[in-house]
Amino acid sequence: MGRRRRGRISRRDFLKLGGAGLAGAALVGSAACTPAGNGGGNGGEGPVTLTFSFGPDESGTMQELIDRFNRQHEGEIQVEWRQMPADTG
């Protein structure tokens, strides 16, 4: 992690956490479902797997969010994270 001054978070850590938070919000938003009978379903084929790519997360926050989401939606929606190299920005 970056250098911390007493009681402060570094700009780099702030941006990492902010990016992880935004990615988590996007993940939750993409999982929103329409009410039953209004279409948008997966045809009853079983669980849906959502795969997305994102850069490295040294804090582990992204994986924690994904694991929590997968536990909450087990058997319905599962998320896979394909970690991209940091230089593909």
Protein backbone atom coordinates (compact mmCIF):
# COMPACT_ATOMS: atom_id res chain seq x y z
CA MET A 1 0.00 0.00 0.00
CA GLY A 2 1.03 3.61 -0.28
CA ARG A 3 2.47 5.81 2.40
CA ARG A 4 0.06 7.05 5.00
CA ARG A 5 0.40 10.20 6.98
CA ARG A 6 -1.05 10.19 10.41
CA GLY A 7 -4.80 9.66 9.95
CA ARG A 8 -4.69 10.20 6.20
CA ILE A 9 -4.95 7.92 3.22
CA SER A 10 -2.67 8.41 0.24
CA ARG A 11 -4.08 9.59 -3.07
CA ARG A 12 -3.12 6.28 -4.65
CA ASP A 13 -4.94 4.23 -1.99
CA PHE A 14 -7.95 6.54 -2.25
CA LEU A 15 -8.13 5.98 -6.00
CA LYS A 16 -7.77 2.21 -5.57
CA LEU A 17 -10.57 2.06 -3.04
CA GLY A 18 -12.71 4.40 -5.10
CA GLY A 19 -12.20 2.28 -8.21
CA ALA A 20 -13.04 -0.89 -6.32
CA GLY A 21 -16.16 0.77 -4.93
CA LEU A 22 -17.29 1.93 -8.36
CA ALA A 23 -16.65 -1.49 -9.84
CA GLY A 24 -18.66 -3.04 -7.01
CA ALA A 25 -21.52 -0.62 -7.62
CA ALA A 26 -21.45 -1.41 -11.33
CA LEU A 27 -21.45 -5.10 -10.51
CA VAL A 28 -24.49 -4.81 -8.28
CA GLY A 29 -26.24 -2.58 -10.81
CA SER A 30 -25.64 -5.05 -13.61
CA ALA A 31 -27.25 -7.79 -11.54
CA ALA A 32 -30.58 -5.98 -11.26
CA CYS A 33 -33.40 -8.12 -12.55
CA THR A 34 -36.76 -7.27 -14.07
CA PRO A 35 -39.92 -8.38 -12.27
CA ALA A 36 -41.10 -11.92 -13.04
CA GLY A 37 -42.94 -12.24 -16.33
CA ASN A 38 -41.48 -9.10 -17.87
CA GLY A 39 -38.76 -10.78 -19.90
CA GLY A 40 -35.07 -10.24 -19.53
CA GLY A 41 -34.60 -13.70 -18.10
CA ASN A 42 -32.02 -16.27 -18.98
CA GLY A 43 -34.52 -18.75 -20.37
CA GLY A 44 -34.43 -20.98 -17.30
CA GLU A 45 -31.09 -22.44 -18.30
CA GLY A 46 -29.66 -22.27 -14.79
CA PRO A 47 -27.28 -19.88 -13.10
CA VAL A 48 -25.91 -16.87 -14.95
CA THR A 49 -22.17 -16.23 -14.98
CA LEU A 50 -21.02 -12.64 -15.33
CA THR A 51 -17.37 -12.26 -16.36
CA PHE A 52 -15.62 -8.91 -16.27
CA SER A 53 -12.06 -7.64 -16.57
CA PHE A 54 -10.45 -5.13 -14.26
CA GLY A 55 -6.94 -4.16 -13.31
CA PRO A 56 -5.03 -5.40 -10.27
CA ASP A 57 -6.41 -4.80 -6.79
CA GLU A 58 -3.63 -5.08 -4.25
CA SER A 59 -6.02 -4.30 -1.39
CA GLY A 60 -8.11 -7.44 -1.96
CA THR A 61 -11.31 -5.39 -1.84
CA MET A 62 -12.50 -6.42 -5.29
CA GLN A 63 -12.23 -10.14 -4.51
CA GLU A 64 -14.02 -9.61 -1.19
CA LEU A 65 -16.90 -7.85 -2.98
CA ILE A 66 -17.11 -10.60 -5.59
CA ASP A 67 -17.05 -13.37 -2.97
CA ARG A 68 -19.78 -11.64 -0.95
CA PHE A 69 -21.93 -11.16 -4.07
CA ASN A 70 -21.44 -14.79 -5.13
CA ARG A 71 -22.48 -16.04 -1.67
CA GLN A 72 -25.60 -13.84 -1.68
CA HIS A 73 -26.65 -14.99 -5.16
CA GLU A 74 -25.48 -18.60 -5.07
CA GLY A 75 -27.27 -20.70 -7.67
CA GLU A 76 -28.55 -17.60 -9.50
CA ILE A 77 -25.69 -15.31 -10.53
CA GLN A 78 -21.96 -15.89 -10.24
CA VAL A 79 -19.24 -13.37 -11.01
CA GLU A 80 -15.84 -14.18 -12.45
CA TRP A 81 -13.08 -11.57 -12.41
CA ARG A 82 -10.38 -11.74 -15.05
CA GLN A 83 -7.60 -9.61 -13.69
CA MET A 84 -5.85 -7.53 -16.34
CA PRO A 85 -2.24 -6.34 -16.19
CA ALA A 86 -1.81 -2.84 -14.79
CA ASP A 87 -0.37 -1.48 -18.05
CA THR A 88 -3.44 -2.16 -20.24
CA GLY A 89 -5.19 1.03 -19.03
